[in-house]
Amino acid sequence: NSTDGGPQTSSAAGNHSKP
């Protein structure tokens, strides 16, 4: 899964967000 906005993060589940 991925979402835009906010600091870039990652998890073992593969979720991540990025600016």
N, C-alpha and C. Protein backbone atom coordinates (compact mmCIF):
# COMPACT_ATOMS: atom_id res chain seq x y z
N ASN A 1 0.85 -1.20 0.00
CA ASN A 1 0.00 0.00 0.00
C ASN A 1 0.88 1.24 0.00
N SER A 2 0.36 2.35 -0.51
CA SER A 2 1.14 3.58 -0.51
C SER A 2 0.22 4.78 -0.42
N THR A 3 0.72 5.83 0.21
CA THR A 3 -0.06 7.06 0.29
C THR A 3 0.88 8.24 0.08
N ASP A 4 0.37 9.32 -0.42
CA ASP A 4 1.20 10.50 -0.65
C ASP A 4 0.98 11.51 0.47
N GLY A 5 2.02 12.26 0.80
CA GLY A 5 1.91 13.27 1.83
C GLY A 5 2.56 12.80 3.11
N GLY A 6 3.20 13.71 3.82
CA GLY A 6 3.83 13.37 5.09
C GLY A 6 5.23 12.82 4.89
N PRO A 7 5.90 12.55 5.99
CA PRO A 7 7.28 12.03 5.94
C PRO A 7 7.31 10.64 5.32
N GLN A 8 8.44 10.26 4.78
CA GLN A 8 8.55 8.95 4.15
C GLN A 8 8.76 7.88 5.23
N THR A 9 7.94 6.86 5.22
CA THR A 9 8.05 5.81 6.22
C THR A 9 7.88 4.46 5.55
N SER A 10 8.27 3.40 6.23
CA SER A 10 8.09 2.06 5.68
C SER A 10 7.82 1.09 6.83
N SER A 11 7.18 -0.02 6.51
CA SER A 11 6.88 -1.01 7.53
C SER A 11 7.12 -2.40 6.95
N ALA A 12 7.19 -3.38 7.82
CA ALA A 12 7.41 -4.75 7.39
C ALA A 12 6.27 -5.21 6.49
N ALA A 13 5.10 -4.61 6.69
CA ALA A 13 3.93 -4.99 5.91
C ALA A 13 4.02 -4.46 4.48
N GLY A 14 4.95 -3.55 4.27
CA GLY A 14 5.14 -3.02 2.93
C GLY A 14 4.42 -1.71 2.72
N ASN A 15 3.77 -1.21 3.76
CA ASN A 15 3.09 0.08 3.64
C ASN A 15 4.12 1.20 3.65
N HIS A 16 3.85 2.27 2.93
CA HIS A 16 4.78 3.40 2.95
C HIS A 16 4.08 4.68 2.52
N SER A 17 4.63 5.78 3.00
CA SER A 17 4.11 7.08 2.58
C SER A 17 5.27 7.97 2.20
N LYS A 18 5.06 8.87 1.27
CA LYS A 18 6.13 9.76 0.84
C LYS A 18 5.56 11.10 0.40
N PRO A 19 6.36 12.12 0.50
CA PRO A 19 5.92 13.46 0.13
C PRO A 19 5.53 13.55 -1.34
